[in-house]
Amino acid sequence: MLYEKQGSYLQGKEDERDEIAVAMLAEGDSIKKIARVTKLSENDVRKLQAELASETTSA
């Protein structure tokens, strides 16, 4: 039970970091800066960037 609560908490933190990274991408911040601020890997930031670009072109 405790693990589930901790896992849920950690997932919430990851989602929050993703939202911050997407907002920073929209502002034109660099991948390196976003990775440094959010503690995401540069590869994860690039994946979010690709997802954002894909959503933009399909809308």
PDB file of N, CA and C in Angstrom:
ATOM      1  N   MET A   1       0.820  -1.194   0.000  1.00  0.00           N
ATOM      2  CA  MET A   1       0.000   0.000   0.000  1.00  0.00           C
ATOM      3  C   MET A   1       0.864   1.258   0.000  1.00  0.00           C
ATOM      4  N   LEU A   2       1.858   1.287   0.863  1.00  0.00           N
ATOM      5  CA  LEU A   2       2.743   2.440   0.927  1.00  0.00           C
ATOM      6  C   LEU A   2       3.454   2.640  -0.407  1.00  0.00           C
ATOM      7  N   TYR A   3       3.885   1.541  -1.026  1.00  0.00           N
ATOM      8  CA  TYR A   3       4.571   1.632  -2.310  1.00  0.00           C
ATOM      9  C   TYR A   3       3.668   2.281  -3.359  1.00  0.00           C
ATOM     10  N   GLU A   4       2.402   1.903  -3.365  1.00  0.00           N
ATOM     11  CA  GLU A   4       1.470   2.481  -4.329  1.00  0.00           C
ATOM     12  C   GLU A   4       1.355   3.982  -4.131  1.00  0.00           C
ATOM     13  N   LYS A   5       1.272   4.414  -2.884  1.00  0.00           N
ATOM     14  CA  LYS A   5       1.177   5.841  -2.608  1.00  0.00           C
ATOM     15  C   LYS A   5       2.443   6.555  -3.043  1.00  0.00           C
ATOM     16  N   GLN A   6       3.597   5.973  -2.749  1.00  0.00           N
ATOM     17  CA  GLN A   6       4.853   6.581  -3.162  1.00  0.00           C
ATOM     18  C   GLN A   6       4.960   6.596  -4.675  1.00  0.00           C
ATOM     19  N   GLY A   7       4.574   5.514  -5.319  1.00  0.00           N
ATOM     20  CA  GLY A   7       4.622   5.447  -6.775  1.00  0.00           C
ATOM     21  C   GLY A   7       3.721   6.489  -7.403  1.00  0.00           C
ATOM     22  N   SER A   8       2.550   6.660  -6.841  1.00  0.00           N
ATOM     23  CA  SER A   8       1.613   7.669  -7.318  1.00  0.00           C
ATOM     24  C   SER A   8       2.199   9.061  -7.149  1.00  0.00           C
ATOM     25  N   TYR A   9       2.834   9.309  -6.017  1.00  0.00           N
ATOM     26  CA  TYR A   9       3.463  10.596  -5.752  1.00  0.00           C
ATOM     27  C   TYR A   9       4.568  10.857  -6.763  1.00  0.00           C
ATOM     28  N   LEU A  10       5.394   9.846  -6.999  1.00  0.00           N
ATOM     29  CA  LEU A  10       6.491  10.011  -7.944  1.00  0.00           C
ATOM     30  C   LEU A  10       5.967  10.233  -9.357  1.00  0.00           C
ATOM     31  N   GLN A  11       4.897   9.546  -9.736  1.00  0.00           N
ATOM     32  CA  GLN A  11       4.311   9.747 -11.059  1.00  0.00           C
ATOM     33  C   GLN A  11       3.809  11.171 -11.193  1.00  0.00           C
ATOM     34  N   GLY A  12       3.231  11.699 -10.129  1.00  0.00           N
ATOM     35  CA  GLY A  12       2.765  13.080 -10.142  1.00  0.00           C
ATOM     36  C   GLY A  12       3.908  14.048 -10.373  1.00  0.00           C
ATOM     37  N   LYS A  13       5.038  13.791  -9.745  1.00  0.00           N
ATOM     38  CA  LYS A  13       6.212  14.644  -9.922  1.00  0.00           C
ATOM     39  C   LYS A  13       6.710  14.570 -11.366  1.00  0.00           C
ATOM     40  N   GLU A  14       6.717  13.375 -11.954  1.00  0.00           N
ATOM     41  CA  GLU A  14       7.155  13.219 -13.340  1.00  0.00           C
ATOM     42  C   GLU A  14       6.225  13.981 -14.278  1.00  0.00           C
ATOM     43  N   ASP A  15       4.936  13.879 -14.043  1.00  0.00           N
ATOM     44  CA  ASP A  15       3.967  14.589 -14.874  1.00  0.00           C
ATOM     45  C   ASP A  15       4.180  16.100 -14.773  1.00  0.00           C
ATOM     46  N   GLU A  16       4.461  16.563 -13.567  1.00  0.00           N
ATOM     47  CA  GLU A  16       4.695  17.990 -13.345  1.00  0.00           C
ATOM     48  C   GLU A  16       5.946  18.446 -14.097  1.00  0.00           C
ATOM     49  N   ARG A  17       6.989  17.634 -14.048  1.00  0.00           N
ATOM     50  CA  ARG A  17       8.222  17.984 -14.771  1.00  0.00           C
ATOM     51  C   ARG A  17       7.963  18.022 -16.274  1.00  0.00           C
ATOM     52  N   ASP A  18       7.164  17.082 -16.772  1.00  0.00           N
ATOM     53  CA  ASP A  18       6.834  17.074 -18.201  1.00  0.00           C
ATOM     54  C   ASP A  18       6.084  18.349 -18.582  1.00  0.00           C
ATOM     55  N   GLU A  19       5.138  18.763 -17.752  1.00  0.00           N
ATOM     56  CA  GLU A  19       4.368  19.981 -18.032  1.00  0.00           C
ATOM     57  C   GLU A  19       5.269  21.205 -18.049  1.00  0.00           C
ATOM     58  N   ILE A  20       6.189  21.267 -17.110  1.00  0.00           N
ATOM     59  CA  ILE A  20       7.129  22.387 -17.065  1.00  0.00           C
ATOM     60  C   ILE A  20       8.004  22.371 -18.310  1.00  0.00           C
ATOM     61  N   ALA A  21       8.485  21.192 -18.692  1.00  0.00           N
ATOM     62  CA  ALA A  21       9.333  21.076 -19.876  1.00  0.00           C
ATOM     63  C   ALA A  21       8.582  21.506 -21.137  1.00  0.00           C
ATOM     64  N   VAL A  22       7.332  21.113 -21.274  1.00  0.00           N
ATOM     65  CA  VAL A  22       6.531  21.494 -22.441  1.00  0.00           C
ATOM     66  C   VAL A  22       6.346  23.010 -22.473  1.00  0.00           C
ATOM     67  N   ALA A  23       6.089  23.607 -21.313  1.00  0.00           N
ATOM     68  CA  ALA A  23       5.928  25.063 -21.253  1.00  0.00           C
ATOM     69  C   ALA A  23       7.227  25.757 -21.642  1.00  0.00           C
ATOM     70  N   MET A  24       8.340  25.227 -21.186  1.00  0.00           N
ATOM     71  CA  MET A  24       9.634  25.823 -21.522  1.00  0.00           C
ATOM     72  C   MET A  24       9.937  25.664 -23.016  1.00  0.00           C
ATOM     73  N   LEU A  25       9.578  24.524 -23.584  1.00  0.00           N
ATOM     74  CA  LEU A  25       9.758  24.323 -25.025  1.00  0.00           C
ATOM     75  C   LEU A  25       8.943  25.352 -25.801  1.00  0.00           C
ATOM     76  N   ALA A  26       7.718  25.590 -25.348  1.00  0.00           N
ATOM     77  CA  ALA A  26       6.850  26.563 -26.011  1.00  0.00           C
ATOM     78  C   ALA A  26       7.444  27.967 -25.941  1.00  0.00           C
ATOM     79  N   GLU A  27       8.200  28.241 -24.891  1.00  0.00           N
ATOM     80  CA  GLU A  27       8.847  29.547 -24.733  1.00  0.00           C
ATOM     81  C   GLU A  27      10.150  29.644 -25.530  1.00  0.00           C
ATOM     82  N   GLY A  28      10.583  28.513 -26.088  1.00  0.00           N
ATOM     83  CA  GLY A  28      11.793  28.526 -26.903  1.00  0.00           C
ATOM     84  C   GLY A  28      13.082  28.282 -26.137  1.00  0.00           C
ATOM     85  N   ASP A  29      12.975  27.783 -24.904  1.00  0.00           N
ATOM     86  CA  ASP A  29      14.181  27.485 -24.131  1.00  0.00           C
ATOM     87  C   ASP A  29      14.926  26.298 -24.741  1.00  0.00           C
ATOM     88  N   SER A  30      16.231  26.259 -24.512  1.00  0.00           N
ATOM     89  CA  SER A  30      17.057  25.191 -25.078  1.00  0.00           C
ATOM     90  C   SER A  30      16.821  23.870 -24.351  1.00  0.00           C
ATOM     91  N   ILE A  31      17.092  22.786 -25.057  1.00  0.00           N
ATOM     92  CA  ILE A  31      16.939  21.449 -24.483  1.00  0.00           C
ATOM     93  C   ILE A  31      17.857  21.291 -23.274  1.00  0.00           C
ATOM     94  N   LYS A  32      19.078  21.797 -23.375  1.00  0.00           N
ATOM     95  CA  LYS A  32      20.010  21.692 -22.241  1.00  0.00           C
ATOM     96  C   LYS A  32      19.474  22.412 -21.016  1.00  0.00           C
ATOM     97  N   LYS A  33      18.922  23.606 -21.211  1.00  0.00           N
ATOM     98  CA  LYS A  33      18.387  24.365 -20.083  1.00  0.00           C
ATOM     99  C   LYS A  33      17.196  23.642 -19.465  1.00  0.00           C
ATOM    100  N   ILE A  34      16.311  23.132 -20.305  1.00  0.00           N
ATOM    101  CA  ILE A  34      15.124  22.427 -19.820  1.00  0.00           C
ATOM    102  C   ILE A  34      15.536  21.190 -19.024  1.00  0.00           C
ATOM    103  N   ALA A  35      16.499  20.446 -19.539  1.00  0.00           N
ATOM    104  CA  ALA A  35      16.981  19.256 -18.840  1.00  0.00           C
ATOM    105  C   ALA A  35      17.573  19.639 -17.485  1.00  0.00           C
ATOM    106  N   ARG A  36      18.331  20.711 -17.449  1.00  0.00           N
ATOM    107  CA  ARG A  36      18.955  21.155 -16.198  1.00  0.00           C
ATOM    108  C   ARG A  36      17.895  21.572 -15.172  1.00  0.00           C
ATOM    109  N   VAL A  37      16.909  22.328 -15.606  1.00  0.00           N
ATOM    110  CA  VAL A  37      15.890  22.855 -14.686  1.00  0.00           C
ATOM    111  C   VAL A  37      14.944  21.756 -14.201  1.00  0.00           C
ATOM    112  N   THR A  38      14.512  20.885 -15.110  1.00  0.00           N
ATOM    113  CA  THR A  38      13.503  19.876 -14.760  1.00  0.00           C
ATOM    114  C   THR A  38      14.093  18.573 -14.245  1.00  0.00           C
ATOM    115  N   LYS A  39      15.402  18.401 -14.419  1.00  0.00           N
ATOM    116  CA  LYS A  39      16.086  17.151 -14.050  1.00  0.00           C
ATOM    117  C   LYS A  39      15.677  15.985 -14.952  1.00  0.00           C
ATOM    118  N   LEU A  40      15.084  16.282 -16.100  1.00  0.00           N
ATOM    119  CA  LEU A  40      14.815  15.261 -17.105  1.00  0.00           C
ATOM    120  C   LEU A  40      16.080  15.084 -17.937  1.00  0.00           C
ATOM    121  N   SER A  41      16.214  13.939 -18.591  1.00  0.00           N
ATOM    122  CA  SER A  41      17.360  13.764 -19.477  1.00  0.00           C
ATOM    123  C   SER A  41      17.110  14.563 -20.765  1.00  0.00           C
ATOM    124  N   GLU A  42      18.183  14.904 -21.452  1.00  0.00           N
ATOM    125  CA  GLU A  42      18.023  15.621 -22.717  1.00  0.00           C
ATOM    126  C   GLU A  42      17.222  14.780 -23.698  1.00  0.00           C
ATOM    127  N   ASN A  43      17.404  13.468 -23.643  1.00  0.00           N
ATOM    128  CA  ASN A  43      16.657  12.578 -24.526  1.00  0.00           C
ATOM    129  C   ASN A  43      15.157  12.649 -24.227  1.00  0.00           C
ATOM    130  N   ASP A  44      14.792  12.685 -22.952  1.00  0.00           N
ATOM    131  CA  ASP A  44      13.377  12.802 -22.579  1.00  0.00           C
ATOM    132  C   ASP A  44      12.791  14.130 -23.058  1.00  0.00           C
ATOM    133  N   VAL A  45      13.575  15.190 -22.961  1.00  0.00           N
ATOM    134  CA  VAL A  45      13.106  16.500 -23.426  1.00  0.00           C
ATOM    135  C   VAL A  45      12.907  16.463 -24.944  1.00  0.00           C
ATOM    136  N   ARG A  46      13.808  15.815 -25.655  1.00  0.00           N
ATOM    137  CA  ARG A  46      13.658  15.694 -27.119  1.00  0.00           C
ATOM    138  C   ARG A  46      12.396  14.907 -27.478  1.00  0.00           C
ATOM    139  N   LYS A  47      12.107  13.869 -26.699  1.00  0.00           N
ATOM    140  CA  LYS A  47      10.881  13.088 -26.935  1.00  0.00           C
ATOM    141  C   LYS A  47       9.643  13.968 -26.746  1.00  0.00           C
ATOM    142  N   LEU A  48       9.643  14.768 -25.680  1.00  0.00           N
ATOM    143  CA  LEU A  48       8.522  15.681 -25.449  1.00  0.00           C
ATOM    144  C   LEU A  48       8.406  16.689 -26.585  1.00  0.00           C
ATOM    145  N   GLN A  49       9.549  17.170 -27.055  1.00  0.00           N
ATOM    146  CA  GLN A  49       9.566  18.122 -28.164  1.00  0.00           C
ATOM    147  C   GLN A  49       8.957  17.493 -29.416  1.00  0.00           C
ATOM    148  N   ALA A  50       9.308  16.238 -29.687  1.00  0.00           N
ATOM    149  CA  ALA A  50       8.760  15.528 -30.848  1.00  0.00           C
ATOM    150  C   ALA A  50       7.261  15.314 -30.692  1.00  0.00           C
ATOM    151  N   GLU A  51       6.813  14.960 -29.499  1.00  0.00           N
ATOM    152  CA  GLU A  51       5.385  14.791 -29.250  1.00  0.00           C
ATOM    153  C   GLU A  51       4.635  16.097 -29.449  1.00  0.00           C
ATOM    154  N   LEU A  52       5.207  17.173 -28.969  1.00  0.00           N
ATOM    155  CA  LEU A  52       4.595  18.484 -29.106  1.00  0.00           C
ATOM    156  C   LEU A  52       4.494  18.879 -30.577  1.00  0.00           C
ATOM    157  N   ALA A  53       5.545  18.633 -31.337  1.00  0.00           N
ATOM    158  CA  ALA A  53       5.546  18.934 -32.767  1.00  0.00           C
ATOM    159  C   ALA A  53       4.515  18.083 -33.498  1.00  0.00           C
ATOM    160  N   SER A  54       4.404  16.827 -33.099  1.00  0.00           N
ATOM    161  CA  SER A  54       3.442  15.919 -33.720  1.00  0.00           C
ATOM    162  C   SER A  54       2.010  16.370 -33.442  1.00  0.00           C
ATOM    163  N   GLU A  55       1.743  16.803 -32.212  1.00  0.00           N
ATOM    164  CA  GLU A  55       0.403  17.290 -31.860  1.00  0.00           C
ATOM    165  C   GLU A  55       0.075  18.569 -32.618  1.00  0.00           C
ATOM    166  N   THR A  56       1.058  19.419 -32.803  1.00  0.00           N
ATOM    167  CA  THR A  56       0.850  20.688 -33.480  1.00  0.00           C
ATOM    168  C   THR A  56       0.525  20.481 -34.958  1.00  0.00           C
ATOM    169  N   THR A  57       1.212  19.540 -35.598  1.00  0.00           N
ATOM    170  CA  THR A  57       0.989  19.313 -37.027  1.00  0.00           C
ATOM    171  C   THR A  57      -0.292  18.544 -37.294  1.00  0.00           C
ATOM    172  N   SER A  58      -0.737  17.743 -36.324  1.00  0.00           N
ATOM    173  CA  SER A  58      -1.953  16.964 -36.531  1.00  0.00           C
ATOM    174  C   SER A  58      -3.218  17.734 -36.141  1.00  0.00           C
ATOM    175  N   ALA A  59      -3.062  18.862 -35.503  1.00  0.00           N
ATOM    176  CA  ALA A  59      -4.235  19.637 -35.056  1.00  0.00           C
ATOM    177  C   ALA A  59      -4.759  20.551 -36.121  1.00  0.00           C
TER     178      ALA A  59
END
